[in-house]
Amino acid sequence: MIDLYTWSTPNGRKVSIMLEECALPYAVHSIDIGKGDQFKPDFLAISPNNRMPAIIDTAPADGGKPVSVFESGAILLYLAEKTGLFIPKDLRGRVEVLQWLFWQMGGLGPMAGQANHFSRMAPEKIPYAIDRYVKETNRLYGVLDRQLAGRDFIAGEYTIADMACYPWIVSHDKQGQKLEDFPNLHAWFQRIKARPATAHAYRWEKL
């Protein structure tokens, strides 16, 4: 059993998608970030950076005591290694998936998040910040669009790299982006959206 501590954010959704794709039994524990649940001592014990999602695997592969994992990219990699799914076993395939996973963690997620924040949530509209982050998000969309030329998924086969990126593209309109401007990305988005596991992972608008 996997205990998933999460909320309805892109980082939370990516782990839900992976759990659904792997058909792993899991229980959802809502961490309401609007109420400050992420600062409670019980949650900080498994996620010291007070960010969700986090998981506890009560049946780890080594048969030992439960394993807790925080950071969404680390969770995806942990689950891929636990199940042997959605990450290539060969050296070159694995490297390609990992570099796109880290690309999302270090680039797409932070930049898209800032574009959304300064465009929609900041108490003061700062044109420089909005322009900077919307343009950088647009550049990153272009990077992903070019990677997807001639292939169905980011690394060829469907992997944790796709699961990491997809939830950040869901809110493209809030980031000032139009999917129609990126035809390869748009087609990829529709393919992932149509997967049953994706629909199940998004079945709660609010957890």
C-alpha atoms as a PDB file:
ATOM      1  CA  MET A   1       0.000   0.000   0.000  1.00  0.00           C
ATOM      2  CA  ILE A   2       1.146   3.527  -0.841  1.00  0.00           C
ATOM      3  CA  ASP A   3      -0.014   6.395   1.360  1.00  0.00           C
ATOM      4  CA  LEU A   4      -0.172   9.485  -0.862  1.00  0.00           C
ATOM      5  CA  TYR A   5      -0.140  12.908   0.801  1.00  0.00           C
ATOM      6  CA  THR A   6      -1.240  15.375  -1.841  1.00  0.00           C
ATOM      7  CA  TRP A   7      -3.423  18.210  -3.071  1.00  0.00           C
ATOM      8  CA  SER A   8      -4.872  19.210  -6.455  1.00  0.00           C
ATOM      9  CA  THR A   9      -1.726  20.817  -7.885  1.00  0.00           C
ATOM     10  CA  PRO A  10       0.366  19.796 -10.909  1.00  0.00           C
ATOM     11  CA  ASN A  11       3.014  18.160  -8.714  1.00  0.00           C
ATOM     12  CA  GLY A  12       0.346  16.244  -6.850  1.00  0.00           C
ATOM     13  CA  ARG A  13      -1.371  15.090 -10.025  1.00  0.00           C
ATOM     14  CA  LYS A  14       1.775  13.651 -11.591  1.00  0.00           C
ATOM     15  CA  VAL A  15       2.141  11.145  -8.754  1.00  0.00           C
ATOM     16  CA  SER A  16      -1.557  10.260  -8.940  1.00  0.00           C
ATOM     17  CA  ILE A  17      -1.123   9.518 -12.660  1.00  0.00           C
ATOM     18  CA  MET A  18       1.822   7.220 -11.965  1.00  0.00           C
ATOM     19  CA  LEU A  19      -0.011   5.337  -9.242  1.00  0.00           C
ATOM     20  CA  GLU A  20      -3.008   4.854 -11.518  1.00  0.00           C
ATOM     21  CA  GLU A  21      -0.840   3.732 -14.445  1.00  0.00           C
ATOM     22  CA  CYS A  22       0.957   1.196 -12.242  1.00  0.00           C
ATOM     23  CA  ALA A  23      -2.331   0.002 -10.694  1.00  0.00           C
ATOM     24  CA  LEU A  24      -0.724   0.239  -7.276  1.00  0.00           C
ATOM     25  CA  PRO A  25      -3.107   0.268  -4.306  1.00  0.00           C
ATOM     26  CA  TYR A  26      -2.939   3.644  -2.598  1.00  0.00           C
ATOM     27  CA  ALA A  27      -4.757   5.764  -0.059  1.00  0.00           C
ATOM     28  CA  VAL A  28      -5.078   9.519  -0.507  1.00  0.00           C
ATOM     29  CA  HIS A  29      -4.446  11.868   2.410  1.00  0.00           C
ATOM     30  CA  SER A  30      -5.425  15.446   1.587  1.00  0.00           C
ATOM     31  CA  ILE A  31      -2.898  18.143   2.448  1.00  0.00           C
ATOM     32  CA  ASP A  32      -4.948  21.324   2.174  1.00  0.00           C
ATOM     33  CA  ILE A  33      -2.313  23.926   1.401  1.00  0.00           C
ATOM     34  CA  GLY A  34      -4.898  26.689   1.766  1.00  0.00           C
ATOM     35  CA  LYS A  35      -5.339  25.737   5.415  1.00  0.00           C
ATOM     36  CA  GLY A  36      -1.626  25.240   6.108  1.00  0.00           C
ATOM     37  CA  ASP A  37      -1.701  21.451   6.443  1.00  0.00           C
ATOM     38  CA  GLN A  38       1.774  21.334   4.908  1.00  0.00           C
ATOM     39  CA  PHE A  39       3.232  22.897   8.051  1.00  0.00           C
ATOM     40  CA  LYS A  40       1.844  20.345  10.494  1.00  0.00           C
ATOM     41  CA  PRO A  41       4.487  18.287  12.322  1.00  0.00           C
ATOM     42  CA  ASP A  42       3.160  14.933  11.077  1.00  0.00           C
ATOM     43  CA  PHE A  43       3.534  16.034   7.457  1.00  0.00           C
ATOM     44  CA  LEU A  44       6.913  17.686   8.024  1.00  0.00           C
ATOM     45  CA  ALA A  45       8.172  14.363   9.344  1.00  0.00           C
ATOM     46  CA  ILE A  46       7.860  12.910   5.828  1.00  0.00           C
ATOM     47  CA  SER A  47       8.253  16.106   3.782  1.00  0.00           C
ATOM     48  CA  PRO A  48      10.729  18.390   5.569  1.00  0.00           C
ATOM     49  CA  ASN A  49      10.516  21.049   2.822  1.00  0.00           C
ATOM     50  CA  ASN A  50       6.778  21.459   3.645  1.00  0.00           C
ATOM     51  CA  ARG A  51       5.804  20.762   0.049  1.00  0.00           C
ATOM     52  CA  MET A  52       3.476  18.136  -1.279  1.00  0.00           C
ATOM     53  CA  PRO A  53       3.208  15.493  -2.598  1.00  0.00           C
ATOM     54  CA  ALA A  54       4.911  12.907  -0.431  1.00  0.00           C
ATOM     55  CA  ILE A  55       4.402   9.181  -0.096  1.00  0.00           C
ATOM     56  CA  ILE A  56       4.939   6.404   2.408  1.00  0.00           C
ATOM     57  CA  ASP A  57       5.476   2.959   0.921  1.00  0.00           C
ATOM     58  CA  THR A  58       4.378   0.480   3.564  1.00  0.00           C
ATOM     59  CA  ALA A  59       5.642  -2.488   1.514  1.00  0.00           C
ATOM     60  CA  PRO A  60       9.050  -1.471   0.082  1.00  0.00           C
ATOM     61  CA  ALA A  61      10.951  -3.792  -2.211  1.00  0.00           C
ATOM     62  CA  ASP A  62      13.565  -4.638   0.430  1.00  0.00           C
ATOM     63  CA  GLY A  63      10.923  -5.910   2.824  1.00  0.00           C
ATOM     64  CA  GLY A  64      12.044  -3.507   5.532  1.00  0.00           C
ATOM     65  CA  LYS A  65      10.258  -0.761   7.414  1.00  0.00           C
ATOM     66  CA  PRO A  66       8.112   1.767   5.490  1.00  0.00           C
ATOM     67  CA  VAL A  67       9.914   4.193   3.189  1.00  0.00           C
ATOM     68  CA  SER A  68       8.890   7.833   2.900  1.00  0.00           C
ATOM     69  CA  VAL A  69       9.731   9.913  -0.179  1.00  0.00           C
ATOM     70  CA  PHE A  70       9.245  13.616  -0.817  1.00  0.00           C
ATOM     71  CA  GLU A  71       9.751  15.659  -4.041  1.00  0.00           C
ATOM     72  CA  SER A  72       7.514  14.635  -6.933  1.00  0.00           C
ATOM     73  CA  GLY A  73      10.351  13.733  -9.300  1.00  0.00           C
ATOM     74  CA  ALA A  74      11.971  11.517  -6.693  1.00  0.00           C
ATOM     75  CA  ILE A  75       8.606   9.857  -6.075  1.00  0.00           C
ATOM     76  CA  LEU A  76       8.119   9.120  -9.785  1.00  0.00           C
ATOM     77  CA  LEU A  77      11.582   7.600 -10.004  1.00  0.00           C
ATOM     78  CA  TYR A  78      11.053   5.587  -6.812  1.00  0.00           C
ATOM     79  CA  LEU A  79       7.779   4.142  -8.099  1.00  0.00           C
ATOM     80  CA  ALA A  80       9.286   3.401 -11.519  1.00  0.00           C
ATOM     81  CA  GLU A  81      12.132   1.473  -9.891  1.00  0.00           C
ATOM     82  CA  LYS A  82       9.753  -0.283  -7.488  1.00  0.00           C
ATOM     83  CA  THR A  83       7.507  -1.540 -10.286  1.00  0.00           C
ATOM     84  CA  GLY A  84       9.938  -1.734 -13.208  1.00  0.00           C
ATOM     85  CA  LEU A  85       7.469   0.334 -15.238  1.00  0.00           C
ATOM     86  CA  PHE A  86       7.617   3.546 -17.248  1.00  0.00           C
ATOM     87  CA  ILE A  87      11.393   3.894 -17.303  1.00  0.00           C
ATOM     88  CA  PRO A  88      13.662   2.133 -19.808  1.00  0.00           C
ATOM     89  CA  LYS A  89      16.057  -0.496 -18.569  1.00  0.00           C
ATOM     90  CA  ASP A  90      18.756   0.282 -21.135  1.00  0.00           C
ATOM     91  CA  LEU A  91      21.347   2.958 -20.379  1.00  0.00           C
ATOM     92  CA  ARG A  92      20.538   5.381 -23.190  1.00  0.00           C
ATOM     93  CA  GLY A  93      16.789   5.162 -22.799  1.00  0.00           C
ATOM     94  CA  ARG A  94      17.050   5.706 -19.061  1.00  0.00           C
ATOM     95  CA  VAL A  95      19.300   8.735 -19.513  1.00  0.00           C
ATOM     96  CA  GLU A  96      16.850  10.308 -21.951  1.00  0.00           C
ATOM     97  CA  VAL A  97      13.933   9.881 -19.565  1.00  0.00           C
ATOM     98  CA  LEU A  98      15.864  11.199 -16.569  1.00  0.00           C
ATOM     99  CA  GLN A  99      17.102  14.303 -18.338  1.00  0.00           C
ATOM    100  CA  TRP A 100      13.544  15.239 -19.347  1.00  0.00           C
ATOM    101  CA  LEU A 101      12.291  14.488 -15.833  1.00  0.00           C
ATOM    102  CA  PHE A 102      14.891  16.871 -14.417  1.00  0.00           C
ATOM    103  CA  TRP A 103      14.101  19.382 -17.185  1.00  0.00           C
ATOM    104  CA  GLN A 104      10.543  19.506 -15.920  1.00  0.00           C
ATOM    105  CA  MET A 105      11.595  19.755 -12.287  1.00  0.00           C
ATOM    106  CA  GLY A 106      14.155  22.505 -12.870  1.00  0.00           C
ATOM    107  CA  GLY A 107      12.569  24.384 -15.763  1.00  0.00           C
ATOM    108  CA  LEU A 108       9.018  23.798 -16.920  1.00  0.00           C
ATOM    109  CA  GLY A 109       7.446  23.531 -13.465  1.00  0.00           C
ATOM    110  CA  PRO A 110       9.116  26.524 -11.807  1.00  0.00           C
ATOM    111  CA  MET A 111       8.763  28.832 -14.819  1.00  0.00           C
ATOM    112  CA  ALA A 112       5.151  27.882 -15.566  1.00  0.00           C
ATOM    113  CA  GLY A 113       4.327  28.253 -11.889  1.00  0.00           C
ATOM    114  CA  GLN A 114       5.796  31.754 -11.797  1.00  0.00           C
ATOM    115  CA  ALA A 115       3.952  32.714 -14.987  1.00  0.00           C
ATOM    116  CA  ASN A 116       0.690  31.666 -13.371  1.00  0.00           C
ATOM    117  CA  HIS A 117       1.520  33.394 -10.094  1.00  0.00           C
ATOM    118  CA  PHE A 118       2.503  36.790 -11.496  1.00  0.00           C
ATOM    119  CA  SER A 119      -0.250  36.796 -14.137  1.00  0.00           C
ATOM    120  CA  ARG A 120      -3.135  35.736 -11.908  1.00  0.00           C
ATOM    121  CA  MET A 121      -2.325  35.588  -8.194  1.00  0.00           C
ATOM    122  CA  ALA A 122       0.190  38.295  -7.291  1.00  0.00           C
ATOM    123  CA  PRO A 123      -1.424  41.166  -5.345  1.00  0.00           C
ATOM    124  CA  GLU A 124       0.429  43.629  -7.562  1.00  0.00           C
ATOM    125  CA  LYS A 125       0.664  43.281 -11.332  1.00  0.00           C
ATOM    126  CA  ILE A 126       4.330  43.626 -12.263  1.00  0.00           C
ATOM    127  CA  PRO A 127       4.634  43.833 -16.072  1.00  0.00           C
ATOM    128  CA  TYR A 128       8.331  42.917 -16.086  1.00  0.00           C
ATOM    129  CA  ALA A 129       7.745  39.723 -14.076  1.00  0.00           C
ATOM    130  CA  ILE A 130       4.701  38.713 -16.123  1.00  0.00           C
ATOM    131  CA  ASP A 131       6.539  39.263 -19.399  1.00  0.00           C
ATOM    132  CA  ARG A 132       9.650  37.436 -18.196  1.00  0.00           C
ATOM    133  CA  TYR A 133       7.917  34.289 -17.012  1.00  0.00           C
ATOM    134  CA  VAL A 134       5.306  34.072 -19.756  1.00  0.00           C
ATOM    135  CA  LYS A 135       8.047  34.355 -22.384  1.00  0.00           C
ATOM    136  CA  GLU A 136      10.273  31.797 -20.682  1.00  0.00           C
ATOM    137  CA  THR A 137       7.349  29.385 -20.364  1.00  0.00           C
ATOM    138  CA  ASN A 138       6.643  29.914 -24.047  1.00  0.00           C
ATOM    139  CA  ARG A 139      10.269  29.082 -24.850  1.00  0.00           C
ATOM    140  CA  LEU A 140      10.049  25.882 -22.803  1.00  0.00           C
ATOM    141  CA  TYR A 141       6.839  24.890 -24.580  1.00  0.00           C
ATOM    142  CA  GLY A 142       8.796  25.286 -27.807  1.00  0.00           C
ATOM    143  CA  VAL A 143      11.583  23.052 -26.517  1.00  0.00           C
ATOM    144  CA  LEU A 144       9.063  20.330 -25.698  1.00  0.00           C
ATOM    145  CA  ASP A 145       7.246  20.794 -29.010  1.00  0.00           C
ATOM    146  CA  ARG A 146      10.476  20.217 -30.923  1.00  0.00           C
ATOM    147  CA  GLN A 147      11.306  17.144 -28.834  1.00  0.00           C
ATOM    148  CA  LEU A 148       7.909  15.677 -29.717  1.00  0.00           C
ATOM    149  CA  ALA A 149       8.328  16.087 -33.463  1.00  0.00           C
ATOM    150  CA  GLY A 150       7.912  12.674 -35.068  1.00  0.00           C
ATOM    151  CA  ARG A 151       7.225  10.820 -31.804  1.00  0.00           C
ATOM    152  CA  ASP A 152       4.183  10.104 -29.671  1.00  0.00           C
ATOM    153  CA  PHE A 153       5.850  10.678 -26.318  1.00  0.00           C
ATOM    154  CA  ILE A 154       8.838  12.591 -24.970  1.00  0.00           C
ATOM    155  CA  ALA A 155      11.286   9.679 -24.931  1.00  0.00           C
ATOM    156  CA  GLY A 156       9.522   7.580 -27.555  1.00  0.00           C
ATOM    157  CA  GLU A 157       7.555   5.318 -25.228  1.00  0.00           C
ATOM    158  CA  TYR A 158       5.242   6.627 -22.508  1.00  0.00           C
ATOM    159  CA  THR A 159       7.310   7.204 -19.344  1.00  0.00           C
ATOM    160  CA  ILE A 160       7.548   9.150 -16.116  1.00  0.00           C
ATOM    161  CA  ALA A 161       8.889  12.071 -18.173  1.00  0.00           C
ATOM    162  CA  ASP A 162       5.469  12.442 -19.790  1.00  0.00           C
ATOM    163  CA  MET A 163       3.692  12.073 -16.443  1.00  0.00           C
ATOM    164  CA  ALA A 164       5.900  14.788 -14.957  1.00  0.00           C
ATOM    165  CA  CYS A 165       5.254  17.283 -17.749  1.00  0.00           C
ATOM    166  CA  TYR A 166       1.578  16.740 -18.542  1.00  0.00           C
ATOM    167  CA  PRO A 167       0.043  18.302 -15.386  1.00  0.00           C
ATOM    168  CA  TRP A 168       2.001  21.494 -15.990  1.00  0.00           C
ATOM    169  CA  ILE A 169       0.557  21.779 -19.497  1.00  0.00           C
ATOM    170  CA  VAL A 170      -3.023  21.284 -18.237  1.00  0.00           C
ATOM    171  CA  SER A 171      -3.050  24.861 -16.936  1.00  0.00           C
ATOM    172  CA  HIS A 172      -1.534  26.330 -20.114  1.00  0.00           C
ATOM    173  CA  ASP A 173      -4.139  29.097 -20.343  1.00  0.00           C
ATOM    174  CA  LYS A 174      -3.242  30.302 -16.845  1.00  0.00           C
ATOM    175  CA  GLN A 175       0.374  30.564 -17.995  1.00  0.00           C
ATOM    176  CA  GLY A 176      -0.496  32.728 -20.999  1.00  0.00           C
ATOM    177  CA  GLN A 177       0.067  29.925 -23.526  1.00  0.00           C
ATOM    178  CA  LYS A 178      -1.976  28.565 -26.446  1.00  0.00           C
ATOM    179  CA  LEU A 179      -1.541  24.880 -27.257  1.00  0.00           C
ATOM    180  CA  GLU A 180      -2.549  25.568 -30.847  1.00  0.00           C
ATOM    181  CA  ASP A 181       0.784  27.356 -31.273  1.00  0.00           C
ATOM    182  CA  PHE A 182       2.590  24.064 -30.577  1.00  0.00           C
ATOM    183  CA  PRO A 183       1.110  21.307 -32.802  1.00  0.00           C
ATOM    184  CA  ASN A 184       3.331  18.443 -31.613  1.00  0.00           C
ATOM    185  CA  LEU A 185       2.775  19.371 -27.980  1.00  0.00           C
ATOM    186  CA  HIS A 186      -0.956  19.724 -28.565  1.00  0.00           C
ATOM    187  CA  ALA A 187      -1.223  16.230 -30.084  1.00  0.00           C
ATOM    188  CA  TRP A 188       0.849  14.767 -27.221  1.00  0.00           C
ATOM    189  CA  PHE A 189      -1.393  16.490 -24.680  1.00  0.00           C
ATOM    190  CA  GLN A 190      -4.497  14.942 -26.225  1.00  0.00           C
ATOM    191  CA  ARG A 191      -2.938  11.472 -26.228  1.00  0.00           C
ATOM    192  CA  ILE A 192      -2.182  11.627 -22.508  1.00  0.00           C
ATOM    193  CA  LYS A 193      -5.509  13.209 -21.639  1.00  0.00           C
ATOM    194  CA  ALA A 194      -7.271  10.257 -23.321  1.00  0.00           C
ATOM    195  CA  ARG A 195      -5.530   7.646 -21.159  1.00  0.00           C
ATOM    196  CA  PRO A 196      -7.866   6.071 -18.551  1.00  0.00           C
ATOM    197  CA  ALA A 197      -5.273   6.453 -15.796  1.00  0.00           C
ATOM    198  CA  THR A 198      -5.102  10.193 -16.454  1.00  0.00           C
ATOM    199  CA  ALA A 199      -8.856  10.531 -16.147  1.00  0.00           C
ATOM    200  CA  HIS A 200      -8.814   8.584 -12.876  1.00  0.00           C
ATOM    201  CA  ALA A 201      -6.002  10.745 -11.500  1.00  0.00           C
ATOM    202  CA  TYR A 202      -8.082  13.874 -12.194  1.00  0.00           C
ATOM    203  CA  ARG A 203     -11.404  12.515 -10.989  1.00  0.00           C
ATOM    204  CA  TRP A 204     -11.387  14.861  -8.004  1.00  0.00           C
ATOM    205  CA  GLU A 205     -11.378  18.553  -8.808  1.00  0.00           C
ATOM    206  CA  LYS A 206     -10.567  19.164  -5.161  1.00  0.00           C
ATOM    207  CA  LEU A 207      -9.175  16.382  -3.014  1.00  0.00           C
END
